[in-house]
Amino acid sequence: MLTKPTLKNFIFYTFISNALIYLFQFLLNKNKVNYYECTEIKVYDFSIFSRKFDFIYPESCDLDAYLQGVQNIQNFYNIKNYVYFDRPLFILYISIFYWTLNFVLSQLPITSLVLIKASFFLGQLFLTSIICVLICRILDFFKVDISKMYFTLPWMVSVSPMFKWHIYESTSMTFTFLIFLLGVHFVLNFDYLNHSSYFFYVGLLFLVHRSAALITVFIFLFSLLTKKINYKFLRSSLFFFAPILLHYLILIFYSGFEDHQAQGYRQFVWLIDFIQGKDTIIGGYFCQSPKLALVCYKNDLMNLGEYLLIPIVFLLLILITSYRYKFYQYKKLIIISITFAILINSFWLFIGWYPPIRFSYYGLGNLIIFLLLFVYAININKISKTIFLFAYTSNFLFLNHWNYSGVVENSIFLFISSFSFLLYVILNYESNQLRDKSKEKRL
């Protein structure tokens, strides 16, 4: 009898999943792989037993900035004008892998560039595995059988756009899926969790990616609406601020503090500039006036809808045709997930800087991926699950990066994915109809 997969299981199968994705993306499909902005595809030469090989790997434009922080982690607060002072625990997280690899491989002629890239890969791999564990806990709350998802869950997370394109990169944006899941998990288990500890963990996560603050906002709104707010809860919520205050007090003491995102891009603070009648940045990805912000973010949401059109249409069809059969018992999870995604997207509306499908993905994009994983998990029919997995893989494995100016590049595999998703909906609908007829006969 299969047992529930563990973190150790997920680490192994996440590695296998990403090895397969790498082989497809950077070897079989190397002539088409393109990040379009910031990230370049680099070709490295190396030799094994006098035989030369080419190694293809992406390199982000901000890799050097991250490397500066990782290499100087012991003197992190003494670095002058460092652009990533707002994410110290992300730098620390990657530095743990970096210095571990540096120690283990110290006798080999490996450059710091290779070490930092390997460190980011291992860090993203471990994050993916943690996300899989958290998804299992959410599904287990509803008694969904996850015992056979050893490989499929890490594969489906890894091949989703955020992870397929960025597990090989120097970025913290993959943590937004963890933030989304933690918010959902916190609300579902509100009555059973140690609030003080959980708020403290969220505070630590804020020092990885600042949108983690939305978990605290979401929990506060939930407790307010459900009338569960009290003195004990408010006292526990203060633990969220403890690691944040400690970090910024140390930072101010050692080197002073300038927020690179606010100073350079005027993210969010442009609203204050606008109210005070100061000039704001307009042009390119910058839309720093209330009217332009709404227009730019609306356009970005429409691009996200186009980018994820096939899975969005599928989810709408499956929800319409199967709600009373399968989804009604999970309506609490669906409502919580949608509400949190809307909160996340409402927050990013005010950033004032709108590169292609990034901030809109943090809420609705992560919601769509989570709902797809959920639909797969609750289906017990092997044939239907196989069709779904084929449709999901065909769509995302061949989907271009969202930085593409035309949003989506046409591909025969997207057509195959659409057909397979439609077949799944039809089979699922017929199964529901047969179930109804069977009930009528028994009556």
Protein backbone atom coordinates (compact mmCIF):
# COMPACT_ATOMS: atom_id res chain seq x y z
CA MET A 1 0.00 0.00 0.00
CA LEU A 2 1.36 3.43 -1.01
CA THR A 3 1.97 5.98 1.73
CA LYS A 4 1.79 9.74 1.44
CA PRO A 5 4.82 11.21 -0.33
CA THR A 6 7.35 12.99 1.85
CA LEU A 7 9.68 15.94 1.29
CA LYS A 8 12.48 13.46 0.51
CA ASN A 9 10.33 11.81 -2.18
CA PHE A 10 9.45 15.16 -3.69
CA ILE A 11 13.07 16.33 -3.80
CA PHE A 12 14.02 13.25 -5.81
CA TYR A 13 11.12 13.47 -8.25
CA THR A 14 11.46 17.24 -8.59
CA PHE A 15 15.05 16.70 -9.66
CA ILE A 16 13.96 14.06 -12.19
CA SER A 17 11.21 16.37 -13.47
CA ASN A 18 13.56 19.29 -13.99
CA ALA A 19 16.21 17.11 -15.60
CA LEU A 20 13.58 16.05 -18.15
CA ILE A 21 12.46 19.66 -18.66
CA TYR A 22 16.07 20.75 -19.12
CA LEU A 23 16.67 18.05 -21.74
CA PHE A 24 13.61 19.16 -23.66
CA GLN A 25 13.98 22.91 -23.27
CA PHE A 26 17.71 23.43 -23.67
CA LEU A 27 18.69 20.46 -25.83
CA LEU A 28 15.80 19.20 -27.94
CA ASN A 29 14.18 22.62 -28.24
CA LYS A 30 17.30 24.80 -27.93
CA ASN A 31 16.68 26.68 -31.19
CA LYS A 32 13.32 27.96 -29.94
CA VAL A 33 13.96 28.65 -26.26
CA ASN A 34 13.84 32.39 -25.62
CA TYR A 35 13.31 34.57 -22.55
CA TYR A 36 13.08 37.73 -24.72
CA GLU A 37 14.10 40.10 -21.92
CA CYS A 38 16.83 40.25 -19.26
CA THR A 39 17.84 36.59 -19.53
CA GLU A 40 20.26 35.30 -22.16
CA ILE A 41 20.91 31.73 -23.21
CA LYS A 42 24.61 31.06 -22.70
CA VAL A 43 26.67 28.23 -24.19
CA TYR A 44 29.54 26.95 -22.06
CA ASP A 45 32.32 24.65 -23.27
CA PHE A 46 33.72 21.94 -21.04
CA SER A 47 35.70 18.75 -21.47
CA ILE A 48 35.40 15.27 -19.99
CA PHE A 49 38.25 12.83 -20.77
CA SER A 50 39.45 15.10 -23.58
CA ARG A 51 36.02 15.16 -25.17
CA LYS A 52 34.43 18.58 -25.57
CA PHE A 53 30.79 19.29 -24.76
CA ASP A 54 28.49 22.32 -24.97
CA PHE A 55 26.39 23.15 -21.93
CA ILE A 56 23.44 25.49 -22.47
CA TYR A 57 22.08 27.44 -19.52
CA PRO A 58 20.20 30.73 -18.99
CA GLU A 59 21.85 33.69 -17.32
CA SER A 60 19.75 36.47 -15.81
CA CYS A 61 20.75 40.12 -15.98
CA ASP A 62 20.64 40.39 -12.18
CA LEU A 63 22.86 37.37 -11.48
CA ASP A 64 25.90 39.51 -10.63
CA ALA A 65 23.91 41.49 -8.06
CA TYR A 66 22.81 38.29 -6.35
CA LEU A 67 26.34 36.89 -6.51
CA GLN A 68 27.64 40.00 -4.73
CA GLY A 69 25.27 39.39 -1.83
CA VAL A 70 25.82 35.63 -1.65
CA GLN A 71 29.62 35.91 -1.69
CA ASN A 72 29.55 38.58 1.01
CA ILE A 73 26.86 37.09 3.22
CA GLN A 74 29.13 37.32 6.29
CA ASN A 75 29.36 41.08 5.75
CA PHE A 76 25.93 41.50 4.22
CA TYR A 77 25.02 44.65 6.13
CA ASN A 78 28.29 46.34 5.20
CA ILE A 79 27.71 46.16 1.45
CA LYS A 80 27.26 49.67 0.12
CA ASN A 81 24.20 50.56 -1.97
CA TYR A 82 23.17 46.91 -2.37
CA VAL A 83 20.02 46.59 -4.53
CA TYR A 84 18.61 43.53 -2.75
CA PHE A 85 18.68 44.62 0.88
CA ASP A 86 14.91 44.04 0.85
CA ARG A 87 15.29 40.25 0.50
CA PRO A 88 18.06 39.25 2.96
CA LEU A 89 16.69 35.79 3.72
CA PHE A 90 16.52 34.94 0.04
CA ILE A 91 20.21 35.86 -0.24
CA LEU A 92 20.93 33.78 2.88
CA TYR A 93 18.87 30.88 1.52
CA ILE A 94 20.89 30.76 -1.71
CA SER A 95 24.17 31.35 0.13
CA ILE A 96 23.62 28.17 2.18
CA PHE A 97 23.68 26.13 -1.04
CA TYR A 98 26.53 28.22 -2.44
CA TRP A 99 28.90 27.77 0.48
CA THR A 100 27.95 24.10 0.90
CA LEU A 101 28.81 23.44 -2.75
CA ASN A 102 31.95 25.54 -2.42
CA PHE A 103 33.11 23.37 0.51
CA VAL A 104 32.18 20.02 -1.06
CA LEU A 105 33.68 20.87 -4.45
CA SER A 106 36.64 22.88 -3.19
CA GLN A 107 39.19 20.54 -4.83
CA LEU A 108 37.67 21.00 -8.28
CA PRO A 109 38.39 23.94 -10.61
CA ILE A 110 34.85 25.33 -10.49
CA THR A 111 34.19 29.05 -10.94
CA SER A 112 31.94 31.17 -8.75
CA LEU A 113 29.58 31.59 -11.72
CA VAL A 114 29.00 27.84 -11.92
CA LEU A 115 28.53 27.64 -8.15
CA ILE A 116 25.97 30.46 -8.02
CA LYS A 117 23.94 28.96 -10.87
CA ALA A 118 24.00 25.53 -9.24
CA SER A 119 22.99 27.14 -5.93
CA PHE A 120 19.97 28.82 -7.47
CA PHE A 121 18.94 25.57 -9.14
CA LEU A 122 19.16 23.64 -5.86
CA GLY A 123 17.36 26.42 -4.02
CA GLN A 124 14.51 26.43 -6.55
CA LEU A 125 14.40 22.63 -6.52
CA PHE A 126 14.04 22.55 -2.74
CA LEU A 127 11.38 25.28 -2.90
CA THR A 128 9.39 23.25 -5.44
CA SER A 129 9.52 20.24 -3.12
CA ILE A 130 8.28 22.31 -0.16
CA ILE A 131 5.43 23.61 -2.33
CA CYS A 132 4.47 20.02 -3.17
CA VAL A 133 4.36 19.16 0.54
CA LEU A 134 2.15 22.19 1.23
CA ILE A 135 -0.23 21.30 -1.61
CA CYS A 136 -0.52 17.80 -0.12
CA ARG A 137 -1.42 19.28 3.27
CA ILE A 138 -4.13 21.44 1.70
CA LEU A 139 -5.54 18.45 -0.21
CA ASP A 140 -5.28 16.25 2.88
CA PHE A 141 -7.48 18.74 4.73
CA PHE A 142 -10.27 17.62 2.36
CA LYS A 143 -9.30 13.92 2.54
CA VAL A 144 -8.10 13.86 -1.07
CA ASP A 145 -5.96 10.81 -1.81
CA ILE A 146 -2.42 11.98 -2.65
CA SER A 147 -0.63 8.66 -2.19
CA LYS A 148 0.00 8.20 -5.93
CA MET A 149 1.24 11.71 -6.69
CA TYR A 150 4.94 11.05 -6.05
CA PHE A 151 5.97 12.06 -9.56
CA THR A 152 2.92 13.78 -11.05
CA LEU A 153 2.72 16.58 -8.48
CA PRO A 154 6.37 17.73 -8.74
CA TRP A 155 6.16 17.33 -12.51
CA MET A 156 3.03 19.49 -12.79
CA VAL A 157 4.48 22.21 -10.54
CA SER A 158 7.83 22.14 -12.35
CA VAL A 159 6.37 22.34 -15.86
CA SER A 160 4.03 25.23 -14.99
CA PRO A 161 5.22 28.53 -16.54
CA MET A 162 6.63 30.17 -13.41
CA PHE A 163 8.82 27.20 -12.58
CA LYS A 164 9.61 25.87 -16.06
CA TRP A 165 11.20 29.16 -17.01
CA HIS A 166 12.67 30.29 -13.69
CA ILE A 167 13.91 27.25 -11.78
CA TYR A 168 17.21 27.74 -13.63
CA GLU A 169 17.35 31.47 -12.90
CA SER A 170 18.31 33.90 -10.18
CA THR A 171 14.86 35.00 -9.06
CA SER A 172 12.64 35.01 -6.00
CA MET A 173 9.35 35.24 -7.94
CA THR A 174 8.81 31.48 -7.61
CA PHE A 175 8.20 32.10 -3.90
CA THR A 176 4.91 33.80 -4.82
CA PHE A 177 3.32 30.36 -5.32
CA LEU A 178 4.46 29.39 -1.82
CA ILE A 179 2.97 32.65 -0.50
CA PHE A 180 -0.34 31.95 -2.24
CA LEU A 181 -0.50 28.41 -0.82
CA LEU A 182 0.48 29.50 2.70
CA GLY A 183 -2.33 32.06 2.73
CA VAL A 184 -4.86 29.40 1.72
CA HIS A 185 -3.43 26.90 4.21
CA PHE A 186 -3.50 29.45 7.05
CA VAL A 187 -7.20 30.24 6.53
CA LEU A 188 -8.21 26.59 6.17
CA ASN A 189 -6.42 25.67 9.40
CA PHE A 190 -7.07 28.93 11.24
CA ASP A 191 -8.55 27.19 14.30
CA TYR A 192 -5.74 24.65 14.59
CA LEU A 193 -2.52 26.58 14.00
CA ASN A 194 -0.23 28.29 16.48
CA HIS A 195 -0.84 31.85 15.29
CA SER A 196 2.27 33.33 16.89
CA SER A 197 4.59 30.86 15.20
CA TYR A 198 2.82 31.12 11.88
CA PHE A 199 2.91 34.93 11.84
CA PHE A 200 6.61 34.77 12.68
CA TYR A 201 7.22 32.44 9.72
CA VAL A 202 5.29 34.82 7.47
CA GLY A 203 7.50 37.66 8.74
CA LEU A 204 10.56 35.64 7.75
CA LEU A 205 9.02 34.99 4.34
CA PHE A 206 8.53 38.76 3.95
CA LEU A 207 12.33 39.02 4.00
CA VAL A 208 12.36 36.68 0.98
CA HIS A 209 9.54 38.31 -0.98
CA ARG A 210 7.68 41.29 0.44
CA SER A 211 4.30 40.25 -0.95
CA ALA A 212 4.19 37.77 1.98
CA ALA A 213 2.68 40.70 3.90
CA LEU A 214 -0.54 39.93 2.01
CA ILE A 215 -0.89 36.71 4.00
CA THR A 216 -1.16 38.80 7.16
CA VAL A 217 -3.67 41.13 5.50
CA PHE A 218 -5.70 38.16 4.27
CA ILE A 219 -5.75 36.50 7.69
CA PHE A 220 -6.74 39.75 9.35
CA LEU A 221 -9.64 40.26 6.92
CA PHE A 222 -10.72 36.64 7.39
CA SER A 223 -10.71 36.92 11.18
CA LEU A 224 -12.62 40.20 10.94
CA LEU A 225 -15.32 38.81 8.62
CA THR A 226 -15.72 35.60 10.61
CA LYS A 227 -15.71 37.50 13.91
CA LYS A 228 -12.72 35.53 15.18
CA ILE A 229 -10.59 38.55 15.88
CA ASN A 230 -9.65 39.04 19.55
CA TYR A 231 -6.83 40.27 21.74
CA LYS A 232 -4.93 36.97 21.55
CA PHE A 233 -5.04 37.03 17.75
CA LEU A 234 -3.87 40.67 17.60
CA ARG A 235 -1.02 39.92 19.99
CA SER A 236 0.01 36.92 17.89
CA SER A 237 -0.01 39.01 14.71
CA LEU A 238 2.74 41.21 16.17
CA PHE A 239 5.16 38.32 15.69
CA PHE A 240 4.97 39.06 11.96
CA PHE A 241 6.83 42.33 12.52
CA ALA A 242 9.58 40.94 14.80
CA PRO A 243 12.05 39.66 12.14
CA ILE A 244 11.25 42.59 9.83
CA LEU A 245 11.99 45.24 12.47
CA LEU A 246 15.17 43.43 13.50
CA HIS A 247 16.42 43.37 9.90
CA TYR A 248 15.74 47.02 9.18
CA LEU A 249 17.13 48.22 12.52
CA ILE A 250 20.40 46.39 11.82
CA LEU A 251 20.42 47.70 8.28
CA ILE A 252 19.92 51.31 9.37
CA PHE A 253 22.56 50.97 12.08
CA TYR A 254 25.24 49.53 9.78
CA SER A 255 24.76 51.14 6.39
CA GLY A 256 21.61 53.22 6.31
CA PHE A 257 18.77 52.15 4.10
CA GLU A 258 17.60 53.08 0.66
CA ASP A 259 14.83 51.04 -0.94
CA HIS A 260 16.08 50.36 -4.46
CA GLN A 261 12.61 49.43 -5.72
CA ALA A 262 11.11 52.63 -4.33
CA GLN A 263 14.00 54.94 -5.19
CA GLY A 264 14.73 53.61 -8.67
CA TYR A 265 11.33 52.48 -9.88
CA ARG A 266 9.11 54.48 -7.49
CA GLN A 267 7.12 51.29 -6.91
CA PHE A 268 3.99 52.04 -4.86
CA VAL A 269 5.45 55.33 -3.54
CA TRP A 270 4.48 56.99 -6.83
CA LEU A 271 1.01 57.33 -5.29
CA ILE A 272 2.46 59.67 -2.66
CA ASP A 273 4.34 61.56 -5.38
CA PHE A 274 1.12 61.94 -7.37
CA ILE A 275 -0.88 63.18 -4.38
CA GLN A 276 1.87 65.69 -3.58
CA GLY A 277 1.86 66.95 -7.16
CA LYS A 278 5.35 65.67 -7.94
CA ASP A 279 6.40 64.29 -11.30
CA THR A 280 5.87 60.56 -11.75
CA ILE A 281 7.45 58.18 -14.24
CA ILE A 282 5.42 57.54 -17.40
CA GLY A 283 6.57 55.58 -20.43
CA GLY A 284 7.72 52.06 -21.21
CA TYR A 285 6.49 49.80 -18.41
CA PHE A 286 5.86 52.78 -16.12
CA CYS A 287 2.25 53.93 -15.70
CA GLN A 288 2.36 56.13 -12.62
CA SER A 289 -0.95 57.92 -12.60
CA PRO A 290 -4.24 56.44 -11.35
CA LYS A 291 -5.81 56.33 -14.81
CA LEU A 292 -2.73 54.90 -16.55
CA ALA A 293 -2.20 52.34 -13.77
CA LEU A 294 -5.72 51.00 -14.28
CA VAL A 295 -5.28 50.85 -18.05
CA CYS A 296 -1.85 49.20 -17.92
CA TYR A 297 -2.87 46.64 -15.32
CA LYS A 298 -6.10 45.86 -17.19
CA ASN A 299 -4.06 45.23 -20.34
CA ASP A 300 -1.67 43.02 -18.40
CA LEU A 301 -4.55 40.98 -16.97
CA MET A 302 -5.95 40.57 -20.48
CA ASN A 303 -2.53 39.34 -21.63
CA LEU A 304 -2.48 36.87 -18.75
CA GLY A 305 -5.93 35.68 -19.83
CA GLU A 306 -4.63 35.15 -23.36
CA TYR A 307 -1.46 33.45 -22.12
CA LEU A 308 -3.39 30.97 -19.96
CA LEU A 309 -6.52 30.90 -22.15
CA ILE A 310 -6.62 27.14 -22.68
CA PRO A 311 -6.49 26.16 -18.97
CA ILE A 312 -8.85 29.03 -18.04
CA VAL A 313 -11.51 27.86 -20.53
CA PHE A 314 -11.02 24.30 -19.34
CA LEU A 315 -11.50 25.25 -15.68
CA LEU A 316 -14.66 27.20 -16.48
CA LEU A 317 -16.11 24.27 -18.46
CA ILE A 318 -15.25 21.70 -15.83
CA LEU A 319 -16.64 23.90 -13.06
CA ILE A 320 -19.92 24.45 -14.94
CA THR A 321 -20.40 20.79 -15.83
CA SER A 322 -19.22 19.22 -12.58
CA TYR A 323 -19.84 21.68 -9.76
CA ARG A 324 -22.68 19.80 -8.09
CA TYR A 325 -21.00 16.45 -8.66
CA LYS A 326 -17.46 17.10 -7.51
CA PHE A 327 -16.76 20.69 -6.55
CA TYR A 328 -19.63 21.57 -4.23
CA GLN A 329 -17.96 19.79 -1.32
CA TYR A 330 -14.81 21.82 -1.96
CA LYS A 331 -16.49 25.21 -2.31
CA LYS A 332 -14.73 26.52 0.82
CA LEU A 333 -11.32 25.87 -0.76
CA ILE A 334 -12.40 27.39 -4.08
CA ILE A 335 -13.79 30.55 -2.46
CA ILE A 336 -10.73 31.04 -0.23
CA SER A 337 -8.34 30.54 -3.17
CA ILE A 338 -10.19 32.94 -5.47
CA THR A 339 -10.53 35.58 -2.75
CA PHE A 340 -6.82 35.49 -1.91
CA ALA A 341 -5.87 35.68 -5.60
CA ILE A 342 -8.08 38.77 -6.02
CA LEU A 343 -6.44 40.38 -2.98
CA ILE A 344 -2.97 39.69 -4.39
CA ASN A 345 -3.87 41.16 -7.76
CA SER A 346 -5.52 44.17 -6.15
CA PHE A 347 -2.26 44.86 -4.31
CA TRP A 348 -0.08 44.70 -7.42
CA LEU A 349 -2.42 47.07 -9.24
CA PHE A 350 -0.69 49.96 -7.44
CA ILE A 351 2.94 49.07 -8.17
CA GLY A 352 3.18 51.55 -11.07
CA TRP A 353 5.59 49.41 -13.10
CA TYR A 354 4.06 46.72 -15.29
CA PRO A 355 6.46 44.43 -17.17
CA PRO A 356 4.75 41.65 -19.18
CA ILE A 357 2.66 39.15 -17.20
CA ARG A 358 4.53 39.04 -13.91
CA PHE A 359 2.60 40.74 -11.14
CA SER A 360 -0.75 39.65 -12.60
CA TYR A 361 0.52 36.05 -12.52
CA TYR A 362 1.30 36.24 -8.78
CA GLY A 363 -2.39 36.10 -7.97
CA LEU A 364 -4.55 34.79 -10.80
CA GLY A 365 -1.75 32.83 -12.50
CA ASN A 366 -0.92 30.93 -9.33
CA LEU A 367 -4.65 30.41 -8.71
CA ILE A 368 -5.11 28.80 -12.13
CA ILE A 369 -2.15 26.46 -11.61
CA PHE A 370 -3.41 25.47 -8.16
CA LEU A 371 -6.95 24.78 -9.43
CA LEU A 372 -5.55 22.63 -12.24
CA LEU A 373 -3.56 20.59 -9.72
CA PHE A 374 -6.69 20.33 -7.58
CA VAL A 375 -8.84 19.08 -10.50
CA TYR A 376 -6.26 16.42 -11.27
CA ALA A 377 -5.97 15.31 -7.64
CA ILE A 378 -9.70 14.80 -6.97
CA ASN A 379 -10.28 12.71 -10.11
CA ILE A 380 -10.11 8.97 -9.39
CA ASN A 381 -10.57 7.73 -12.96
CA LYS A 382 -7.21 6.55 -14.35
CA ILE A 383 -8.09 7.20 -18.00
CA SER A 384 -9.33 10.71 -17.27
CA LYS A 385 -6.25 11.48 -15.17
CA THR A 386 -3.98 10.30 -17.99
CA ILE A 387 -5.80 12.49 -20.53
CA PHE A 388 -5.60 15.47 -18.15
CA LEU A 389 -1.88 14.99 -17.53
CA PHE A 390 -1.26 14.75 -21.28
CA ALA A 391 -3.27 17.92 -21.94
CA TYR A 392 -1.55 19.80 -19.09
CA THR A 393 1.93 18.76 -20.23
CA SER A 394 1.23 19.49 -23.91
CA ASN A 395 0.10 22.98 -23.01
CA PHE A 396 2.80 24.09 -20.60
CA LEU A 397 5.82 22.21 -21.91
CA PHE A 398 5.47 23.94 -25.28
CA LEU A 399 4.25 27.31 -24.00
CA ASN A 400 6.62 30.21 -24.70
CA HIS A 401 7.85 32.67 -22.10
CA TRP A 402 5.34 35.42 -21.28
CA ASN A 403 7.82 38.13 -22.31
CA TYR A 404 7.02 37.36 -25.96
CA SER A 405 5.54 40.48 -27.57
CA GLY A 406 2.71 38.49 -29.17
CA VAL A 407 1.91 36.83 -25.79
CA VAL A 408 1.45 33.29 -27.20
CA GLU A 409 3.27 31.65 -30.08
CA ASN A 410 1.04 29.32 -32.08
CA SER A 411 1.92 25.65 -31.77
CA ILE A 412 0.33 22.39 -32.87
CA PHE A 413 0.84 21.18 -29.31
CA LEU A 414 -1.43 23.90 -27.93
CA PHE A 415 -4.11 22.65 -30.31
CA ILE A 416 -3.50 19.09 -29.10
CA SER A 417 -3.76 20.33 -25.52
CA SER A 418 -7.07 22.08 -26.24
CA PHE A 419 -8.50 18.93 -27.82
CA SER A 420 -7.33 16.77 -24.91
CA PHE A 421 -8.79 19.12 -22.29
CA LEU A 422 -12.08 19.13 -24.22
CA LEU A 423 -12.04 15.33 -24.34
CA TYR A 424 -11.55 15.29 -20.58
CA VAL A 425 -14.57 17.58 -20.09
CA ILE A 426 -16.76 15.40 -22.33
CA LEU A 427 -15.75 12.16 -20.59
CA ASN A 428 -16.24 13.78 -17.21
CA TYR A 429 -19.69 15.08 -18.21
CA GLU A 430 -20.77 11.66 -19.52
CA SER A 431 -19.57 10.06 -16.30
CA ASN A 432 -21.73 12.49 -14.33
CA GLN A 433 -24.75 11.72 -16.51
CA LEU A 434 -24.31 7.97 -16.01
CA ARG A 435 -24.10 8.54 -12.29
CA ASP A 436 -27.40 10.42 -12.37
CA LYS A 437 -29.12 7.67 -14.35
CA SER A 438 -27.79 5.05 -11.96
CA LYS A 439 -29.26 6.98 -9.03
CA GLU A 440 -32.63 7.27 -10.77
CA LYS A 441 -32.77 3.52 -11.33
CA ARG A 442 -32.05 2.82 -7.70
CA LEU A 443 -34.90 5.15 -6.74
